[in-house]
PDB file of N, CA and C in Angstrom:
ATOM      1  N   UNK A   1      91.459 106.373 106.464  1.00  0.00           N
ATOM      2  CA  UNK A   1      92.423 105.128 105.945  1.00  0.00           C
ATOM      3  C   UNK A   1      93.154 106.157 104.789  1.00  0.00           C
ATOM      4  N   UNK A   2      94.078 105.508 104.567  1.00  0.00           N
ATOM      5  CA  UNK A   2      95.444 105.976 103.671  1.00  0.00           C
ATOM      6  C   UNK A   2      95.447 104.799 102.442  1.00  0.00           C
ATOM      7  N   UNK A   3      95.180 105.271 101.330  1.00  0.00           N
ATOM      8  CA  UNK A   3      95.380 103.974  99.661  1.00  0.00           C
ATOM      9  C   UNK A   3      96.455 104.322  99.574  1.00  0.00           C
ATOM     10  N   UNK A   4      97.324 103.274  99.539  1.00  0.00           N
ATOM     11  CA  UNK A   4      99.118 102.770  99.311  1.00  0.00           C
ATOM     12  C   UNK A   4      98.324 102.849  97.975  1.00  0.00           C
ATOM     13  N   UNK A   5      99.546 103.462  96.902  1.00  0.00           N
ATOM     14  CA  UNK A   5      99.379 103.893  95.357  1.00  0.00           C
ATOM     15  C   UNK A   5     100.292 102.891  95.194  1.00  0.00           C
ATOM     16  N   UNK A   6     100.419 101.835  94.479  1.00  0.00           N
ATOM     17  CA  UNK A   6     100.749 100.645  94.029  1.00  0.00           C
ATOM     18  C   UNK A   6     101.330 100.905  92.822  1.00  0.00           C
ATOM     19  N   UNK A   7     100.420 101.712  91.746  1.00  0.00           N
ATOM     20  CA  UNK A   7     101.243 101.786  90.843  1.00  0.00           C
ATOM     21  C   UNK A   7     101.784 100.694  89.654  1.00  0.00           C
ATOM     22  N   UNK A   8     100.951  99.924  89.535  1.00  0.00           N
ATOM     23  CA  UNK A   8     101.560  98.651  89.060  1.00  0.00           C
ATOM     24  C   UNK A   8     100.667  98.142  87.629  1.00  0.00           C
ATOM     25  N   UNK A   9     101.228  97.641  86.620  1.00  0.00           N
ATOM     26  CA  UNK A   9     100.112  97.551  85.446  1.00  0.00           C
ATOM     27  C   UNK A   9      99.663  95.842  86.231  1.00  0.00           C
ATOM     28  N   UNK A  10      98.753  95.808  85.723  1.00  0.00           N
ATOM     29  CA  UNK A  10      97.770  94.080  86.038  1.00  0.00           C
ATOM     30  C   UNK A  10      97.791  93.570  85.769  1.00  0.00           C
ATOM     31  N   UNK A  11      97.790  92.483  85.453  1.00  0.00           N
ATOM     32  CA  UNK A  11      98.010  90.943  84.843  1.00  0.00           C
ATOM     33  C   UNK A  11      96.730  90.063  85.328  1.00  0.00           C
ATOM     34  N   UNK A  12      95.545  90.644  84.531  1.00  0.00           N
ATOM     35  CA  UNK A  12      94.002  90.463  84.059  1.00  0.00           C
ATOM     36  C   UNK A  12      94.465  88.532  85.069  1.00  0.00           C
ATOM     37  N   UNK A  13      94.893  87.699  84.370  1.00  0.00           N
ATOM     38  CA  UNK A  13      94.979  86.359  84.761  1.00  0.00           C
ATOM     39  C   UNK A  13      95.322  86.090  85.821  1.00  0.00           C
ATOM     40  N   UNK A  14      96.195  86.688  86.802  1.00  0.00           N
ATOM     41  CA  UNK A  14      96.452  86.584  88.299  1.00  0.00           C
ATOM     42  C   UNK A  14      95.724  87.185  89.142  1.00  0.00           C
ATOM     43  N   UNK A  15      94.548  88.659  88.846  1.00  0.00           N
ATOM     44  CA  UNK A  15      94.117  88.954  89.460  1.00  0.00           C
ATOM     45  C   UNK A  15      94.463  89.712  90.706  1.00  0.00           C
ATOM     46  N   UNK A  16      94.001  90.220  91.610  1.00  0.00           N
ATOM     47  CA  UNK A  16      94.270  91.330  92.816  1.00  0.00           C
ATOM     48  C   UNK A  16      94.433  90.961  93.864  1.00  0.00           C
ATOM     49  N   UNK A  17      94.767  91.341  94.811  1.00  0.00           N
ATOM     50  CA  UNK A  17      94.736  91.474  96.167  1.00  0.00           C
ATOM     51  C   UNK A  17      94.588  92.596  96.892  1.00  0.00           C
ATOM     52  N   UNK A  18      94.073  93.053  98.209  1.00  0.00           N
ATOM     53  CA  UNK A  18      93.837  93.950  98.988  1.00  0.00           C
ATOM     54  C   UNK A  18      94.347  93.700 100.448  1.00  0.00           C
ATOM     55  N   UNK A  19      95.286  94.852 100.625  1.00  0.00           N
ATOM     56  CA  UNK A  19      95.184  94.288 102.347  1.00  0.00           C
ATOM     57  C   UNK A  19      95.099  95.958 102.987  1.00  0.00           C
ATOM     58  N   UNK A  20      94.403  95.923 104.286  1.00  0.00           N
ATOM     59  CA  UNK A  20      94.411  96.640 105.216  1.00  0.00           C
ATOM     60  C   UNK A  20      94.981  96.391 106.447  1.00  0.00           C
ATOM     61  N   UNK A  21      95.799  96.822 106.704  1.00  0.00           N
ATOM     62  CA  UNK A  21      96.352  96.928 107.955  1.00  0.00           C
ATOM     63  C   UNK A  21      97.472  97.858 108.591  1.00  0.00           C
ATOM     64  N   UNK A  22      97.081  98.054 109.914  1.00  0.00           N
ATOM     65  CA  UNK A  22      97.192  98.974 110.946  1.00  0.00           C
ATOM     66  C   UNK A  22      99.470  99.221 110.921  1.00  0.00           C
ATOM     67  N   UNK A  23      99.010 100.377 110.545  1.00  0.00           N
ATOM     68  CA  UNK A  23     100.827 100.986 110.319  1.00  0.00           C
ATOM     69  C   UNK A  23     100.863 101.274 111.858  1.00  0.00           C
ATOM     70  N   UNK A  24     102.710 101.808 111.792  1.00  0.00           N
ATOM     71  CA  UNK A  24     103.062 101.606 113.866  1.00  0.00           C
ATOM     72  C   UNK A  24     102.586 103.024 114.066  1.00  0.00           C
ATOM     73  N   UNK A  25     101.759 104.181 113.285  1.00  0.00           N
ATOM     74  CA  UNK A  25     101.254 105.142 114.115  1.00  0.00           C
ATOM     75  C   UNK A  25     100.318 104.810 114.545  1.00  0.00           C
ATOM     76  N   UNK A  26      99.335 103.577 114.087  1.00  0.00           N
ATOM     77  CA  UNK A  26      98.096 103.352 114.140  1.00  0.00           C
ATOM     78  C   UNK A  26      97.249 103.517 113.380  1.00  0.00           C
ATOM     79  N   UNK A  27      97.222 104.099 112.175  1.00  0.00           N
ATOM     80  CA  UNK A  27      96.470 104.737 110.879  1.00  0.00           C
ATOM     81  C   UNK A  27      96.298 103.057 110.567  1.00  0.00           C
ATOM     82  N   UNK A  28      94.876 103.693 109.557  1.00  0.00           N
ATOM     83  CA  UNK A  28      94.726 102.156 108.580  1.00  0.00           C
ATOM     84  C   UNK A  28      95.294 102.407 107.259  1.00  0.00           C
ATOM     85  N   UNK A  29      95.879 101.479 106.483  1.00  0.00           N
ATOM     86  CA  UNK A  29      96.309 101.785 105.052  1.00  0.00           C
ATOM     87  C   UNK A  29      95.939 100.611 104.337  1.00  0.00           C
ATOM     88  N   UNK A  30      95.477 100.475 102.813  1.00  0.00           N
ATOM     89  CA  UNK A  30      94.612  99.764 102.403  1.00  0.00           C
ATOM     90  C   UNK A  30      96.036  99.433 101.090  1.00  0.00           C
ATOM     91  N   UNK A  31      96.242  99.210 100.441  1.00  0.00           N
ATOM     92  CA  UNK A  31      97.182  98.584  99.091  1.00  0.00           C
ATOM     93  C   UNK A  31      96.609  97.604  98.164  1.00  0.00           C
ATOM     94  N   UNK A  32      96.252  97.911  96.802  1.00  0.00           N
ATOM     95  CA  UNK A  32      95.940  96.393  96.275  1.00  0.00           C
ATOM     96  C   UNK A  32      97.165  96.421  95.384  1.00  0.00           C
ATOM     97  N   UNK A  33      97.091  95.059  95.239  1.00  0.00           N
ATOM     98  CA  UNK A  33      98.355  94.741  94.626  1.00  0.00           C
ATOM     99  C   UNK A  33      98.269  93.273  93.840  1.00  0.00           C
ATOM    100  N   UNK A  34      99.076  92.974  92.945  1.00  0.00           N
ATOM    101  CA  UNK A  34      98.856  91.640  91.789  1.00  0.00           C
ATOM    102  C   UNK A  34      98.700  90.777  92.573  1.00  0.00           C
ATOM    103  N   UNK A  35      98.006  89.937  92.578  1.00  0.00           N
ATOM    104  CA  UNK A  35      98.034  88.610  93.282  1.00  0.00           C
ATOM    105  C   UNK A  35      99.898  87.824  93.676  1.00  0.00           C
ATOM    106  N   UNK A  36     100.280  88.137  92.116  1.00  0.00           N
ATOM    107  CA  UNK A  36     101.806  87.211  92.905  1.00  0.00           C
ATOM    108  C   UNK A  36     102.980  88.354  93.163  1.00  0.00           C
ATOM    109  N   UNK A  37     102.037  89.630  93.950  1.00  0.00           N
ATOM    110  CA  UNK A  37     102.798  90.573  94.670  1.00  0.00           C
ATOM    111  C   UNK A  37     102.794  90.823  96.327  1.00  0.00           C
ATOM    112  N   UNK A  38     101.698  89.465  96.829  1.00  0.00           N
ATOM    113  CA  UNK A  38     101.959  89.293  97.838  1.00  0.00           C
ATOM    114  C   UNK A  38     101.837  87.858  98.580  1.00  0.00           C
ATOM    115  N   UNK A  39     102.319  87.587  99.979  1.00  0.00           N
ATOM    116  CA  UNK A  39     102.571  86.305 100.184  1.00  0.00           C
ATOM    117  C   UNK A  39     102.643  86.538 101.839  1.00  0.00           C
ATOM    118  N   UNK A  40     102.334  85.463 102.044  1.00  0.00           N
ATOM    119  CA  UNK A  40     102.163  85.428 103.875  1.00  0.00           C
ATOM    120  C   UNK A  40     103.568  84.044 104.146  1.00  0.00           C
ATOM    121  N   UNK A  41     104.632  84.509 104.857  1.00  0.00           N
ATOM    122  CA  UNK A  41     105.900  84.305 105.309  1.00  0.00           C
ATOM    123  C   UNK A  41     105.892  84.374 106.706  1.00  0.00           C
ATOM    124  N   UNK A  42     106.656  83.570 107.426  1.00  0.00           N
ATOM    125  CA  UNK A  42     107.055  84.051 109.427  1.00  0.00           C
ATOM    126  C   UNK A  42     106.100  84.581 109.616  1.00  0.00           C
ATOM    127  N   UNK A  43     104.925  84.704 109.611  1.00  0.00           N
ATOM    128  CA  UNK A  43     103.701  85.368 110.728  1.00  0.00           C
ATOM    129  C   UNK A  43     103.723  86.863 110.281  1.00  0.00           C
ATOM    130  N   UNK A  44     104.129  86.920 108.884  1.00  0.00           N
ATOM    131  CA  UNK A  44     104.015  88.507 108.275  1.00  0.00           C
ATOM    132  C   UNK A  44     103.942  88.432 106.576  1.00  0.00           C
ATOM    133  N   UNK A  45     102.395  89.739 106.714  1.00  0.00           N
ATOM    134  CA  UNK A  45     102.214  89.705 105.052  1.00  0.00           C
ATOM    135  C   UNK A  45     103.493  90.340 104.354  1.00  0.00           C
ATOM    136  N   UNK A  46     103.704  90.199 103.569  1.00  0.00           N
ATOM    137  CA  UNK A  46     104.778  90.641 102.247  1.00  0.00           C
ATOM    138  C   UNK A  46     103.893  91.248 101.051  1.00  0.00           C
ATOM    139  N   UNK A  47     103.888  92.414 100.795  1.00  0.00           N
ATOM    140  CA  UNK A  47     103.817  92.714  99.410  1.00  0.00           C
ATOM    141  C   UNK A  47     104.620  93.665  98.582  1.00  0.00           C
ATOM    142  N   UNK A  48     104.620  93.580  97.737  1.00  0.00           N
ATOM    143  CA  UNK A  48     105.366  94.809  96.594  1.00  0.00           C
ATOM    144  C   UNK A  48     104.711  95.987  96.605  1.00  0.00           C
ATOM    145  N   UNK A  49     104.707  96.972  96.069  1.00  0.00           N
ATOM    146  CA  UNK A  49     103.974  98.075  96.651  1.00  0.00           C
ATOM    147  C   UNK A  49     104.609  99.113  95.467  1.00  0.00           C
ATOM    148  N   UNK A  50     105.975  98.893  94.556  1.00  0.00           N
ATOM    149  CA  UNK A  50     107.056  99.566  94.156  1.00  0.00           C
ATOM    150  C   UNK A  50     107.643  99.732  93.866  1.00  0.00           C
ATOM    151  N   UNK A  51     108.435 100.435  92.900  1.00  0.00           N
ATOM    152  CA  UNK A  51     110.483 100.425  92.595  1.00  0.00           C
ATOM    153  C   UNK A  51     110.822 101.264  93.289  1.00  0.00           C
ATOM    154  N   UNK A  52     112.532 101.456  93.457  1.00  0.00           N
ATOM    155  CA  UNK A  52     113.242 102.472  93.821  1.00  0.00           C
ATOM    156  C   UNK A  52     113.709 103.333  92.797  1.00  0.00           C
ATOM    157  N   UNK A  53     114.743 104.126  93.064  1.00  0.00           N
ATOM    158  CA  UNK A  53     115.264 104.701  91.799  1.00  0.00           C
ATOM    159  C   UNK A  53     115.856 103.611  91.009  1.00  0.00           C
ATOM    160  N   UNK A  54     116.393 102.402  91.287  1.00  0.00           N
ATOM    161  CA  UNK A  54     117.350 102.008  90.993  1.00  0.00           C
ATOM    162  C   UNK A  54     116.445 100.796  90.282  1.00  0.00           C
ATOM    163  N   UNK A  55     115.430 100.846  90.089  1.00  0.00           N
ATOM    164  CA  UNK A  55     114.271  99.511  89.748  1.00  0.00           C
ATOM    165  C   UNK A  55     114.013  98.332  90.614  1.00  0.00           C
ATOM    166  N   UNK A  56     114.630  98.189  91.387  1.00  0.00           N
ATOM    167  CA  UNK A  56     114.110  97.465  92.676  1.00  0.00           C
ATOM    168  C   UNK A  56     112.546  97.587  93.243  1.00  0.00           C
ATOM    169  N   UNK A  57     112.047  96.288  93.603  1.00  0.00           N
ATOM    170  CA  UNK A  57     111.017  96.273  93.769  1.00  0.00           C
ATOM    171  C   UNK A  57     111.125  96.569  95.425  1.00  0.00           C
ATOM    172  N   UNK A  58     110.104  97.401  96.025  1.00  0.00           N
ATOM    173  CA  UNK A  58     110.048  97.975  97.249  1.00  0.00           C
ATOM    174  C   UNK A  58     108.462  97.072  98.048  1.00  0.00           C
ATOM    175  N   UNK A  59     109.696  96.144  99.177  1.00  0.00           N
ATOM    176  CA  UNK A  59     109.018  95.587  99.832  1.00  0.00           C
ATOM    177  C   UNK A  59     107.990  95.832 101.223  1.00  0.00           C
ATOM    178  N   UNK A  60     107.077  95.918 101.376  1.00  0.00           N
ATOM    179  CA  UNK A  60     106.360  96.041 102.856  1.00  0.00           C
ATOM    180  C   UNK A  60     106.396  94.864 103.546  1.00  0.00           C
ATOM    181  N   UNK A  61     106.452  94.606 104.964  1.00  0.00           N
ATOM    182  CA  UNK A  61     106.359  93.631 105.833  1.00  0.00           C
ATOM    183  C   UNK A  61     105.439  93.821 107.116  1.00  0.00           C
ATOM    184  N   UNK A  62     104.025  93.411 107.007  1.00  0.00           N
ATOM    185  CA  UNK A  62     103.459  93.521 108.083  1.00  0.00           C
ATOM    186  C   UNK A  62     103.650  92.450 108.637  1.00  0.00           C
ATOM    187  N   UNK A  63     103.861  92.596 109.918  1.00  0.00           N
ATOM    188  CA  UNK A  63     103.190  91.803 110.844  1.00  0.00           C
ATOM    189  C   UNK A  63     102.046  90.705 110.851  1.00  0.00           C
ATOM    190  N   UNK A  64     101.559  90.134 110.995  1.00  0.00           N
ATOM    191  CA  UNK A  64     100.047  89.396 111.115  1.00  0.00           C
ATOM    192  C   UNK A  64      98.894  89.499 112.064  1.00  0.00           C
ATOM    193  N   UNK A  65      99.215  89.795 113.115  1.00  0.00           N
ATOM    194  CA  UNK A  65      98.357  91.000 114.384  1.00  0.00           C
ATOM    195  C   UNK A  65      98.015  92.141 113.577  1.00  0.00           C
ATOM    196  N   UNK A  66      99.119  93.120 112.755  1.00  0.00           N
ATOM    197  CA  UNK A  66      98.307  94.204 112.694  1.00  0.00           C
ATOM    198  C   UNK A  66      97.845  94.376 111.235  1.00  0.00           C
ATOM    199  N   UNK A  67      97.198  92.911 110.682  1.00  0.00           N
ATOM    200  CA  UNK A  67      96.560  93.223 109.278  1.00  0.00           C
ATOM    201  C   UNK A  67      95.195  92.539 109.492  1.00  0.00           C
ATOM    202  N   UNK A  68      94.601  93.635 109.107  1.00  0.00           N
ATOM    203  CA  UNK A  68      92.081  94.238 109.485  1.00  0.00           C
ATOM    204  C   UNK A  68      91.690  93.103 108.272  1.00  0.00           C
ATOM    205  N   UNK A  69      92.507  93.129 107.195  1.00  0.00           N
ATOM    206  CA  UNK A  69      91.463  92.585 105.655  1.00  0.00           C
ATOM    207  C   UNK A  69      92.686  92.085 104.875  1.00  0.00           C
ATOM    208  N   UNK A  70      92.581  91.077 104.249  1.00  0.00           N
ATOM    209  CA  UNK A  70      93.352  90.510 103.266  1.00  0.00           C
ATOM    210  C   UNK A  70      92.210  90.465 102.095  1.00  0.00           C
ATOM    211  N   UNK A  71      92.060  90.644 100.757  1.00  0.00           N
ATOM    212  CA  UNK A  71      90.725  90.306 100.338  1.00  0.00           C
ATOM    213  C   UNK A  71      91.910  90.010  98.734  1.00  0.00           C
ATOM    214  N   UNK A  72      91.698  88.737  98.130  1.00  0.00           N
ATOM    215  CA  UNK A  72      92.000  88.200  96.829  1.00  0.00           C
ATOM    216  C   UNK A  72      91.322  87.768  96.009  1.00  0.00           C
ATOM    217  N   UNK A  73      91.509  88.262  94.686  1.00  0.00           N
ATOM    218  CA  UNK A  73      90.743  87.614  93.658  1.00  0.00           C
ATOM    219  C   UNK A  73      91.787  86.045  93.009  1.00  0.00           C
ATOM    220  N   UNK A  74      90.758  84.875  92.707  1.00  0.00           N
ATOM    221  CA  UNK A  74      91.316  83.757  92.863  1.00  0.00           C
ATOM    222  C   UNK A  74      91.436  82.965  91.700  1.00  0.00           C
ATOM    223  N   UNK A  75      91.396  83.468  90.191  1.00  0.00           N
ATOM    224  CA  UNK A  75      90.881  82.914  89.251  1.00  0.00           C
ATOM    225  C   UNK A  75      91.934  81.604  88.972  1.00  0.00           C
ATOM    226  N   UNK A  76      93.261  82.531  88.554  1.00  0.00           N
ATOM    227  CA  UNK A  76      94.595  81.749  88.403  1.00  0.00           C
ATOM    228  C   UNK A  76      95.087  81.506  89.613  1.00  0.00           C
ATOM    229  N   UNK A  77      94.403  80.917  90.730  1.00  0.00           N
ATOM    230  CA  UNK A  77      95.560  80.592  92.376  1.00  0.00           C
ATOM    231  C   UNK A  77      96.681  79.770  92.366  1.00  0.00           C
ATOM    232  N   UNK A  78      95.110  78.723  91.499  1.00  0.00           N
ATOM    233  CA  UNK A  78      96.152  77.494  91.394  1.00  0.00           C
ATOM    234  C   UNK A  78      98.130  77.132  90.768  1.00  0.00           C
ATOM    235  N   UNK A  79      97.580  78.389  89.762  1.00  0.00           N
ATOM    236  CA  UNK A  79      98.940  78.374  88.953  1.00  0.00           C
ATOM    237  C   UNK A  79      99.819  79.280  89.468  1.00  0.00           C
ATOM    238  N   UNK A  80      99.679  80.095  90.452  1.00  0.00           N
ATOM    239  CA  UNK A  80     100.227  81.107  91.086  1.00  0.00           C
ATOM    240  C   UNK A  80     100.755  80.551  92.470  1.00  0.00           C
ATOM    241  N   UNK A  81     100.130  79.583  92.932  1.00  0.00           N
ATOM    242  CA  UNK A  81     100.738  78.655  94.337  1.00  0.00           C
ATOM    243  C   UNK A  81     102.101  77.656  93.920  1.00  0.00           C
ATOM    244  N   UNK A  82     101.305  77.257  92.517  1.00  0.00           N
ATOM    245  CA  UNK A  82     102.483  76.405  91.893  1.00  0.00           C
ATOM    246  C   UNK A  82     103.602  77.199  91.615  1.00  0.00           C
ATOM    247  N   UNK A  83     103.792  78.555  91.036  1.00  0.00           N
ATOM    248  CA  UNK A  83     104.989  79.468  90.676  1.00  0.00           C
ATOM    249  C   UNK A  83     105.887  80.018  91.775  1.00  0.00           C
ATOM    250  N   UNK A  84     105.172  79.902  92.611  1.00  0.00           N
ATOM    251  CA  UNK A  84     105.300  80.326  93.995  1.00  0.00           C
ATOM    252  C   UNK A  84     106.168  79.029  94.391  1.00  0.00           C
ATOM    253  N   UNK A  85     105.826  78.465  94.897  1.00  0.00           N
ATOM    254  CA  UNK A  85     106.622  76.846  95.657  1.00  0.00           C
ATOM    255  C   UNK A  85     107.697  76.833  94.393  1.00  0.00           C
ATOM    256  N   UNK A  86     108.050  77.116  93.343  1.00  0.00           N
ATOM    257  CA  UNK A  86     108.882  76.918  92.333  1.00  0.00           C
ATOM    258  C   UNK A  86     110.125  77.740  92.648  1.00  0.00           C
ATOM    259  N   UNK A  87     109.834  78.993  92.412  1.00  0.00           N
ATOM    260  CA  UNK A  87     110.590  80.156  92.949  1.00  0.00           C
ATOM    261  C   UNK A  87     110.869  79.623  94.329  1.00  0.00           C
ATOM    262  N   UNK A  88     110.312  79.350  95.535  1.00  0.00           N
ATOM    263  CA  UNK A  88     111.204  79.044  96.461  1.00  0.00           C
ATOM    264  C   UNK A  88     111.852  78.283  96.486  1.00  0.00           C
ATOM    265  N   UNK A  89     111.606  77.111  95.865  1.00  0.00           N
ATOM    266  CA  UNK A  89     112.420  76.276  95.979  1.00  0.00           C
ATOM    267  C   UNK A  89     113.609  76.539  95.154  1.00  0.00           C
ATOM    268  N   UNK A  90     113.413  77.016  94.143  1.00  0.00           N
ATOM    269  CA  UNK A  90     115.051  77.662  93.488  1.00  0.00           C
ATOM    270  C   UNK A  90     115.870  78.645  94.223  1.00  0.00           C
ATOM    271  N   UNK A  91     115.220  79.574  95.058  1.00  0.00           N
ATOM    272  CA  UNK A  91     115.800  79.960  95.841  1.00  0.00           C
ATOM    273  C   UNK A  91     116.972  79.725  97.480  1.00  0.00           C
ATOM    274  N   UNK A  92     116.000  78.233  97.711  1.00  0.00           N
ATOM    275  CA  UNK A  92     116.447  77.729  98.605  1.00  0.00           C
ATOM    276  C   UNK A  92     117.826  77.039  98.118  1.00  0.00           C
ATOM    277  N   UNK A  93     117.335  76.343  96.683  1.00  0.00           N
ATOM    278  CA  UNK A  93     118.282  75.352  96.332  1.00  0.00           C
ATOM    279  C   UNK A  93     119.640  76.401  95.920  1.00  0.00           C
ATOM    280  N   UNK A  94     119.901  77.797  95.323  1.00  0.00           N
ATOM    281  CA  UNK A  94     120.669  78.790  95.326  1.00  0.00           C
ATOM    282  C   UNK A  94     121.220  78.676  96.292  1.00  0.00           C
ATOM    283  N   UNK A  95     120.664  79.242  97.923  1.00  0.00           N
ATOM    284  CA  UNK A  95     121.392  79.539  99.225  1.00  0.00           C
ATOM    285  C   UNK A  95     122.057  78.286  99.503  1.00  0.00           C
ATOM    286  N   UNK A  96     122.054  76.981  99.240  1.00  0.00           N
ATOM    287  CA  UNK A  96     122.720  75.378  99.505  1.00  0.00           C
ATOM    288  C   UNK A  96     123.687  75.611  98.844  1.00  0.00           C
ATOM    289  N   UNK A  97     123.158  76.011  97.551  1.00  0.00           N
ATOM    290  CA  UNK A  97     124.650  76.329  96.881  1.00  0.00           C
ATOM    291  C   UNK A  97     126.036  76.824  97.207  1.00  0.00           C
TER     292      UNK A  97
END
């Protein structure tokens, strides 16, 4: 199994999430990220695992069928969900405008 280096600073209040998934070549990869860097959307797990040379987040999108395991620490998950909903609402409002 390949361990994907997420190389992010951890916010202990948000907790961590670990996702294990099958790559296109059939290998298994494991990535551990802050809870606010992983989401389930449109039958895919999405997670930010680094930044590019310009400082933009690099996001991997994995179809749910290829995901083997997702573990999350959930001490502050309620606040995380509320923040995610607020961010999504803001983005949708921007698209409508």
